[in-house]
PDB file of N, CA and C in Angstrom:
ATOM      1  N   MET A   1      -5.344   2.470  14.892  1.00  0.00           N
ATOM      2  CA  MET A   1      -4.507   3.682  14.769  1.00  0.00           C
ATOM      3  C   MET A   1      -4.196   3.928  13.291  1.00  0.00           C
ATOM      4  N   GLN A   2      -4.310   5.166  12.861  1.00  0.00           N
ATOM      5  CA  GLN A   2      -4.010   5.471  11.467  1.00  0.00           C
ATOM      6  C   GLN A   2      -2.538   5.715  11.251  1.00  0.00           C
ATOM      7  N   ALA A   3      -2.101   5.259  10.074  1.00  0.00           N
ATOM      8  CA  ALA A   3      -0.668   5.496   9.701  1.00  0.00           C
ATOM      9  C   ALA A   3      -0.526   6.965   9.460  1.00  0.00           C
ATOM     10  N   ASN A   4       0.579   7.507   9.890  1.00  0.00           N
ATOM     11  CA  ASN A   4       0.846   8.906   9.608  1.00  0.00           C
ATOM     12  C   ASN A   4       1.497   9.027   8.214  1.00  0.00           C
ATOM     13  N   VAL A   5       1.587  10.225   7.733  1.00  0.00           N
ATOM     14  CA  VAL A   5       2.123  10.509   6.418  1.00  0.00           C
ATOM     15  C   VAL A   5       3.511   9.927   6.317  1.00  0.00           C
ATOM     16  N   GLN A   6       4.358  10.142   7.288  1.00  0.00           N
ATOM     17  CA  GLN A   6       5.705   9.669   7.226  1.00  0.00           C
ATOM     18  C   GLN A   6       5.772   8.131   7.031  1.00  0.00           C
ATOM     19  N   GLU A   7       4.900   7.394   7.723  1.00  0.00           N
ATOM     20  CA  GLU A   7       4.905   5.955   7.587  1.00  0.00           C
ATOM     21  C   GLU A   7       4.499   5.540   6.161  1.00  0.00           C
ATOM     22  N   LEU A   8       3.486   6.251   5.576  1.00  0.00           N
ATOM     23  CA  LEU A   8       3.120   5.940   4.173  1.00  0.00           C
ATOM     24  C   LEU A   8       4.250   6.283   3.258  1.00  0.00           C
ATOM     25  N   GLU A   9       4.926   7.366   3.475  1.00  0.00           N
ATOM     26  CA  GLU A   9       6.062   7.730   2.639  1.00  0.00           C
ATOM     27  C   GLU A   9       7.152   6.648   2.700  1.00  0.00           C
ATOM     28  N   THR A  10       7.416   6.140   3.902  1.00  0.00           N
ATOM     29  CA  THR A  10       8.432   5.107   4.044  1.00  0.00           C
ATOM     30  C   THR A  10       7.998   3.825   3.390  1.00  0.00           C
ATOM     31  N   LEU A  11       6.727   3.450   3.528  1.00  0.00           N
ATOM     32  CA  LEU A  11       6.197   2.264   2.793  1.00  0.00           C
ATOM     33  C   LEU A  11       6.360   2.391   1.318  1.00  0.00           C
ATOM     34  N   PHE A  12       5.984   3.551   0.741  1.00  0.00           N
ATOM     35  CA  PHE A  12       6.086   3.734  -0.691  1.00  0.00           C
ATOM     36  C   PHE A  12       7.584   3.648  -1.109  1.00  0.00           C
ATOM     37  N   GLN A  13       8.446   4.205  -0.270  1.00  0.00           N
ATOM     38  CA  GLN A  13       9.901   4.107  -0.556  1.00  0.00           C
ATOM     39  C   GLN A  13      10.330   2.652  -0.548  1.00  0.00           C
ATOM     40  N   GLN A  14       9.858   1.892   0.417  1.00  0.00           N
ATOM     41  CA  GLN A  14      10.183   0.509   0.543  1.00  0.00           C
ATOM     42  C   GLN A  14       9.719  -0.266  -0.699  1.00  0.00           C
ATOM     43  N   LEU A  15       8.588   0.125  -1.261  1.00  0.00           N
ATOM     44  CA  LEU A  15       8.005  -0.486  -2.454  1.00  0.00           C
ATOM     45  C   LEU A  15       8.686  -0.032  -3.739  1.00  0.00           C
ATOM     46  N   GLY A  16       9.601   0.941  -3.592  1.00  0.00           N
ATOM     47  CA  GLY A  16      10.301   1.412  -4.767  1.00  0.00           C
ATOM     48  C   GLY A  16       9.462   2.423  -5.590  1.00  0.00           C
ATOM     49  N   LEU A  17       8.543   3.108  -4.936  1.00  0.00           N
ATOM     50  CA  LEU A  17       7.673   4.051  -5.581  1.00  0.00           C
ATOM     51  C   LEU A  17       8.049   5.458  -5.168  1.00  0.00           C
ATOM     52  N   ASP A  18       7.663   6.428  -5.997  1.00  0.00           N
ATOM     53  CA  ASP A  18       7.809   7.811  -5.584  1.00  0.00           C
ATOM     54  C   ASP A  18       7.088   7.982  -4.246  1.00  0.00           C
ATOM     55  N   HIS A  19       7.740   8.686  -3.299  1.00  0.00           N
ATOM     56  CA  HIS A  19       7.184   8.652  -1.968  1.00  0.00           C
ATOM     57  C   HIS A  19       6.927  10.028  -1.339  1.00  0.00           C
ATOM     58  N   ASP A  20       6.910  11.042  -2.138  1.00  0.00           N
ATOM     59  CA  ASP A  20       6.460  12.348  -1.579  1.00  0.00           C
ATOM     60  C   ASP A  20       4.934  12.341  -1.461  1.00  0.00           C
ATOM     61  N   GLN A  21       4.380  13.246  -0.724  1.00  0.00           N
ATOM     62  CA  GLN A  21       2.937  13.215  -0.415  1.00  0.00           C
ATOM     63  C   GLN A  21       2.131  13.392  -1.758  1.00  0.00           C
ATOM     64  N   GLU A  22       2.576  14.207  -2.623  1.00  0.00           N
ATOM     65  CA  GLU A  22       1.871  14.403  -3.923  1.00  0.00           C
ATOM     66  C   GLU A  22       1.863  13.126  -4.749  1.00  0.00           C
ATOM     67  N   SER A  23       2.942  12.408  -4.764  1.00  0.00           N
ATOM     68  CA  SER A  23       3.015  11.133  -5.508  1.00  0.00           C
ATOM     69  C   SER A  23       2.095  10.096  -4.832  1.00  0.00           C
ATOM     70  N   ILE A  24       2.074  10.040  -3.550  1.00  0.00           N
ATOM     71  CA  ILE A  24       1.242   9.090  -2.812  1.00  0.00           C
ATOM     72  C   ILE A  24      -0.213   9.378  -3.129  1.00  0.00           C
ATOM     73  N   ASP A  25      -0.592  10.679  -3.039  1.00  0.00           N
ATOM     74  CA  ASP A  25      -1.978  11.055  -3.305  1.00  0.00           C
ATOM     75  C   ASP A  25      -2.341  10.685  -4.766  1.00  0.00           C
ATOM     76  N   ARG A  26      -1.459  10.934  -5.677  1.00  0.00           N
ATOM     77  CA  ARG A  26      -1.709  10.625  -7.094  1.00  0.00           C
ATOM     78  C   ARG A  26      -1.889   9.094  -7.312  1.00  0.00           C
ATOM     79  N   PHE A  27      -1.041   8.335  -6.651  1.00  0.00           N
ATOM     80  CA  PHE A  27      -1.111   6.886  -6.733  1.00  0.00           C
ATOM     81  C   PHE A  27      -2.489   6.383  -6.252  1.00  0.00           C
ATOM     82  N   ILE A  28      -2.884   6.836  -5.102  1.00  0.00           N
ATOM     83  CA  ILE A  28      -4.152   6.411  -4.494  1.00  0.00           C
ATOM     84  C   ILE A  28      -5.324   6.866  -5.406  1.00  0.00           C
ATOM     85  N   LYS A  29      -5.290   8.031  -5.901  1.00  0.00           N
ATOM     86  CA  LYS A  29      -6.332   8.551  -6.814  1.00  0.00           C
ATOM     87  C   LYS A  29      -6.431   7.664  -8.088  1.00  0.00           C
ATOM     88  N   ARG A  30      -5.244   7.339  -8.620  1.00  0.00           N
ATOM     89  CA  ARG A  30      -5.191   6.597  -9.896  1.00  0.00           C
ATOM     90  C   ARG A  30      -5.647   5.176  -9.693  1.00  0.00           C
ATOM     91  N   HIS A  31      -5.448   4.587  -8.564  1.00  0.00           N
ATOM     92  CA  HIS A  31      -5.764   3.151  -8.380  1.00  0.00           C
ATOM     93  C   HIS A  31      -6.972   2.880  -7.537  1.00  0.00           C
ATOM     94  N   SER A  32      -7.724   3.888  -7.167  1.00  0.00           N
ATOM     95  CA  SER A  32      -8.898   3.765  -6.330  1.00  0.00           C
ATOM     96  C   SER A  32     -10.146   3.841  -7.212  1.00  0.00           C
ATOM     97  N   PRO A  33     -11.198   3.236  -6.786  1.00  0.00           N
ATOM     98  CA  PRO A  33     -11.313   2.299  -5.674  1.00  0.00           C
ATOM     99  C   PRO A  33     -10.877   0.918  -6.138  1.00  0.00           C
ATOM    100  N   LEU A  34     -10.211   0.273  -5.247  1.00  0.00           N
ATOM    101  CA  LEU A  34      -9.839  -1.146  -5.470  1.00  0.00           C
ATOM    102  C   LEU A  34     -11.073  -2.017  -5.240  1.00  0.00           C
ATOM    103  N   PRO A  35     -11.385  -2.916  -6.180  1.00  0.00           N
ATOM    104  CA  PRO A  35     -12.631  -3.725  -5.967  1.00  0.00           C
ATOM    105  C   PRO A  35     -12.582  -4.485  -4.685  1.00  0.00           C
ATOM    106  N   GLU A  36     -13.750  -4.624  -4.074  1.00  0.00           N
ATOM    107  CA  GLU A  36     -13.836  -5.326  -2.791  1.00  0.00           C
ATOM    108  C   GLU A  36     -13.362  -6.784  -2.854  1.00  0.00           C
ATOM    109  N   ASP A  37     -13.508  -7.437  -3.991  1.00  0.00           N
ATOM    110  CA  ASP A  37     -13.104  -8.821  -4.116  1.00  0.00           C
ATOM    111  C   ASP A  37     -11.653  -8.997  -4.489  1.00  0.00           C
ATOM    112  N   CYS A  38     -10.896  -7.924  -4.566  1.00  0.00           N
ATOM    113  CA  CYS A  38      -9.483  -7.984  -4.899  1.00  0.00           C
ATOM    114  C   CYS A  38      -8.617  -7.697  -3.649  1.00  0.00           C
ATOM    115  N   ARG A  39      -7.784  -8.686  -3.280  1.00  0.00           N
ATOM    116  CA  ARG A  39      -6.877  -8.432  -2.146  1.00  0.00           C
ATOM    117  C   ARG A  39      -5.826  -7.410  -2.583  1.00  0.00           C
ATOM    118  N   LEU A  40      -5.346  -6.664  -1.667  1.00  0.00           N
ATOM    119  CA  LEU A  40      -4.407  -5.597  -1.975  1.00  0.00           C
ATOM    120  C   LEU A  40      -3.222  -6.103  -2.742  1.00  0.00           C
ATOM    121  N   ALA A  41      -2.624  -7.190  -2.288  1.00  0.00           N
ATOM    122  CA  ALA A  41      -1.423  -7.754  -2.942  1.00  0.00           C
ATOM    123  C   ALA A  41      -1.708  -8.322  -4.317  1.00  0.00           C
ATOM    124  N   ASP A  42      -2.977  -8.617  -4.617  1.00  0.00           N
ATOM    125  CA  ASP A  42      -3.347  -9.147  -5.891  1.00  0.00           C
ATOM    126  C   ASP A  42      -3.689  -8.090  -6.937  1.00  0.00           C
ATOM    127  N   ALA A  43      -3.670  -6.816  -6.541  1.00  0.00           N
ATOM    128  CA  ALA A  43      -4.013  -5.730  -7.449  1.00  0.00           C
ATOM    129  C   ALA A  43      -3.044  -5.727  -8.634  1.00  0.00           C
ATOM    130  N   PRO A  44      -3.555  -5.476  -9.798  1.00  0.00           N
ATOM    131  CA  PRO A  44      -2.731  -5.616 -10.979  1.00  0.00           C
ATOM    132  C   PRO A  44      -1.602  -4.567 -11.169  1.00  0.00           C
ATOM    133  N   PHE A  45      -1.605  -3.522 -10.348  1.00  0.00           N
ATOM    134  CA  PHE A  45      -0.575  -2.493 -10.495  1.00  0.00           C
ATOM    135  C   PHE A  45       0.686  -2.752  -9.766  1.00  0.00           C
ATOM    136  N   TRP A  46       0.761  -3.838  -8.980  1.00  0.00           N
ATOM    137  CA  TRP A  46       2.000  -4.212  -8.291  1.00  0.00           C
ATOM    138  C   TRP A  46       2.854  -5.091  -9.161  1.00  0.00           C
ATOM    139  N   ASP A  47       4.175  -4.963  -9.086  1.00  0.00           N
ATOM    140  CA  ASP A  47       5.025  -5.942  -9.685  1.00  0.00           C
ATOM    141  C   ASP A  47       5.196  -7.107  -8.747  1.00  0.00           C
ATOM    142  N   THR A  48       5.800  -8.196  -9.160  1.00  0.00           N
ATOM    143  CA  THR A  48       5.889  -9.403  -8.363  1.00  0.00           C
ATOM    144  C   THR A  48       6.516  -9.146  -6.987  1.00  0.00           C
ATOM    145  N   ALA A  49       7.655  -8.409  -6.984  1.00  0.00           N
ATOM    146  CA  ALA A  49       8.356  -8.126  -5.724  1.00  0.00           C
ATOM    147  C   ALA A  49       7.481  -7.340  -4.764  1.00  0.00           C
ATOM    148  N   GLN A  50       6.790  -6.323  -5.276  1.00  0.00           N
ATOM    149  CA  GLN A  50       5.926  -5.513  -4.438  1.00  0.00           C
ATOM    150  C   GLN A  50       4.802  -6.351  -3.866  1.00  0.00           C
ATOM    151  N   ALA A  51       4.138  -7.157  -4.703  1.00  0.00           N
ATOM    152  CA  ALA A  51       3.030  -7.979  -4.208  1.00  0.00           C
ATOM    153  C   ALA A  51       3.543  -8.972  -3.188  1.00  0.00           C
ATOM    154  N   ASP A  52       4.681  -9.595  -3.403  1.00  0.00           N
ATOM    155  CA  ASP A  52       5.243 -10.552  -2.410  1.00  0.00           C
ATOM    156  C   ASP A  52       5.519  -9.868  -1.074  1.00  0.00           C
ATOM    157  N   PHE A  53       6.068  -8.678  -1.179  1.00  0.00           N
ATOM    158  CA  PHE A  53       6.387  -7.923   0.071  1.00  0.00           C
ATOM    159  C   PHE A  53       5.112  -7.616   0.842  1.00  0.00           C
ATOM    160  N   LEU A  54       4.062  -7.128   0.153  1.00  0.00           N
ATOM    161  CA  LEU A  54       2.812  -6.855   0.817  1.00  0.00           C
ATOM    162  C   LEU A  54       2.180  -8.102   1.437  1.00  0.00           C
ATOM    163  N   ARG A  55       2.196  -9.229   0.729  1.00  0.00           N
ATOM    164  CA  ARG A  55       1.666 -10.441   1.254  1.00  0.00           C
ATOM    165  C   ARG A  55       2.450 -10.889   2.529  1.00  0.00           C
ATOM    166  N   GLN A  56       3.740 -10.883   2.431  1.00  0.00           N
ATOM    167  CA  GLN A  56       4.601 -11.281   3.570  1.00  0.00           C
ATOM    168  C   GLN A  56       4.311 -10.457   4.780  1.00  0.00           C
ATOM    169  N   GLN A  57       4.195  -9.174   4.614  1.00  0.00           N
ATOM    170  CA  GLN A  57       4.012  -8.257   5.715  1.00  0.00           C
ATOM    171  C   GLN A  57       2.659  -8.535   6.419  1.00  0.00           C
ATOM    172  N   LEU A  58       1.611  -8.759   5.613  1.00  0.00           N
ATOM    173  CA  LEU A  58       0.319  -9.033   6.166  1.00  0.00           C
ATOM    174  C   LEU A  58       0.239 -10.395   6.848  1.00  0.00           C
ATOM    175  N   LEU A  59       0.771 -11.410   6.154  1.00  0.00           N
ATOM    176  CA  LEU A  59       0.693 -12.811   6.696  1.00  0.00           C
ATOM    177  C   LEU A  59       1.465 -12.949   8.020  1.00  0.00           C
ATOM    178  N   ALA A  60       2.584 -12.287   8.088  1.00  0.00           N
ATOM    179  CA  ALA A  60       3.424 -12.400   9.269  1.00  0.00           C
ATOM    180  C   ALA A  60       3.062 -11.356  10.339  1.00  0.00           C
ATOM    181  N   ASP A  61       2.057 -10.494  10.034  1.00  0.00           N
ATOM    182  CA  ASP A  61       1.737  -9.416  10.894  1.00  0.00           C
ATOM    183  C   ASP A  61       3.035  -8.678  11.313  1.00  0.00           C
ATOM    184  N   ALA A  62       3.871  -8.426  10.304  1.00  0.00           N
ATOM    185  CA  ALA A  62       5.226  -7.864  10.496  1.00  0.00           C
ATOM    186  C   ALA A  62       5.123  -6.357  10.709  1.00  0.00           C
ATOM    187  N   GLU A  63       6.335  -5.758  10.771  1.00  0.00           N
ATOM    188  CA  GLU A  63       6.387  -4.334  11.140  1.00  0.00           C
ATOM    189  C   GLU A  63       5.637  -3.392  10.230  1.00  0.00           C
ATOM    190  N   TRP A  64       5.497  -3.787   8.965  1.00  0.00           N
ATOM    191  CA  TRP A  64       4.795  -2.911   7.977  1.00  0.00           C
ATOM    192  C   TRP A  64       3.321  -3.173   7.928  1.00  0.00           C
ATOM    193  N   ALA A  65       2.805  -4.244   8.614  1.00  0.00           N
ATOM    194  CA  ALA A  65       1.425  -4.638   8.448  1.00  0.00           C
ATOM    195  C   ALA A  65       0.419  -3.510   8.695  1.00  0.00           C
ATOM    196  N   GLU A  66       0.616  -2.755   9.692  1.00  0.00           N
ATOM    197  CA  GLU A  66      -0.342  -1.683  10.046  1.00  0.00           C
ATOM    198  C   GLU A  66      -0.413  -0.635   8.896  1.00  0.00           C
ATOM    199  N   VAL A  67       0.731  -0.261   8.349  1.00  0.00           N
ATOM    200  CA  VAL A  67       0.733   0.733   7.309  1.00  0.00           C
ATOM    201  C   VAL A  67       0.218   0.125   6.010  1.00  0.00           C
ATOM    202  N   VAL A  68       0.461  -1.134   5.765  1.00  0.00           N
ATOM    203  CA  VAL A  68      -0.097  -1.815   4.554  1.00  0.00           C
ATOM    204  C   VAL A  68      -1.617  -1.880   4.713  1.00  0.00           C
ATOM    205  N   ASP A  69      -2.123  -2.117   5.895  1.00  0.00           N
ATOM    206  CA  ASP A  69      -3.604  -2.055   6.126  1.00  0.00           C
ATOM    207  C   ASP A  69      -4.115  -0.693   5.845  1.00  0.00           C
ATOM    208  N   GLN A  70      -3.454   0.320   6.256  1.00  0.00           N
ATOM    209  CA  GLN A  70      -3.879   1.695   6.005  1.00  0.00           C
ATOM    210  C   GLN A  70      -3.918   1.976   4.532  1.00  0.00           C
ATOM    211  N   LEU A  71      -2.904   1.550   3.814  1.00  0.00           N
ATOM    212  CA  LEU A  71      -2.890   1.749   2.346  1.00  0.00           C
ATOM    213  C   LEU A  71      -4.052   1.017   1.714  1.00  0.00           C
ATOM    214  N   ASN A  72      -4.354  -0.163   2.194  1.00  0.00           N
ATOM    215  CA  ASN A  72      -5.495  -0.938   1.694  1.00  0.00           C
ATOM    216  C   ASN A  72      -6.774  -0.155   1.873  1.00  0.00           C
ATOM    217  N   LEU A  73      -6.953   0.445   3.044  1.00  0.00           N
ATOM    218  CA  LEU A  73      -8.176   1.230   3.291  1.00  0.00           C
ATOM    219  C   LEU A  73      -8.207   2.487   2.391  1.00  0.00           C
ATOM    220  N   LEU A  74      -7.109   3.122   2.232  1.00  0.00           N
ATOM    221  CA  LEU A  74      -7.090   4.327   1.377  1.00  0.00           C
ATOM    222  C   LEU A  74      -7.422   3.977  -0.095  1.00  0.00           C
ATOM    223  N   LEU A  75      -7.033   2.842  -0.543  1.00  0.00           N
ATOM    224  CA  LEU A  75      -7.303   2.417  -1.923  1.00  0.00           C
ATOM    225  C   LEU A  75      -8.742   1.941  -2.102  1.00  0.00           C
ATOM    226  N   ARG A  76      -9.432   1.706  -1.013  1.00  0.00           N
ATOM    227  CA  ARG A  76     -10.824   1.238  -1.116  1.00  0.00           C
ATOM    228  C   ARG A  76     -11.772   2.415  -1.011  1.00  0.00           C
ATOM    229  N   GLY A  77     -11.315   3.564  -0.631  1.00  0.00           N
ATOM    230  CA  GLY A  77     -12.143   4.718  -0.391  1.00  0.00           C
ATOM    231  C   GLY A  77     -12.591   5.446  -1.495  1.00  0.00           C
TER     232      GLY A  77
END
């Protein structure tokens, strides 16, 4: 299932980033494509807290995991 725009906006807000659609699109364009050998949370553009949050969500298959996966796919495109 694909994350909807509202879910991405909420994830970006949770990460402390600008979270309107234009800002999300700009972020994805600026940081894409993410190299295949780089895990999302290891990308150099995250601060420590953001990277930790992303890792925790994926490892625990927590409530944000699906949207984090969607962001990962968008950054690889």
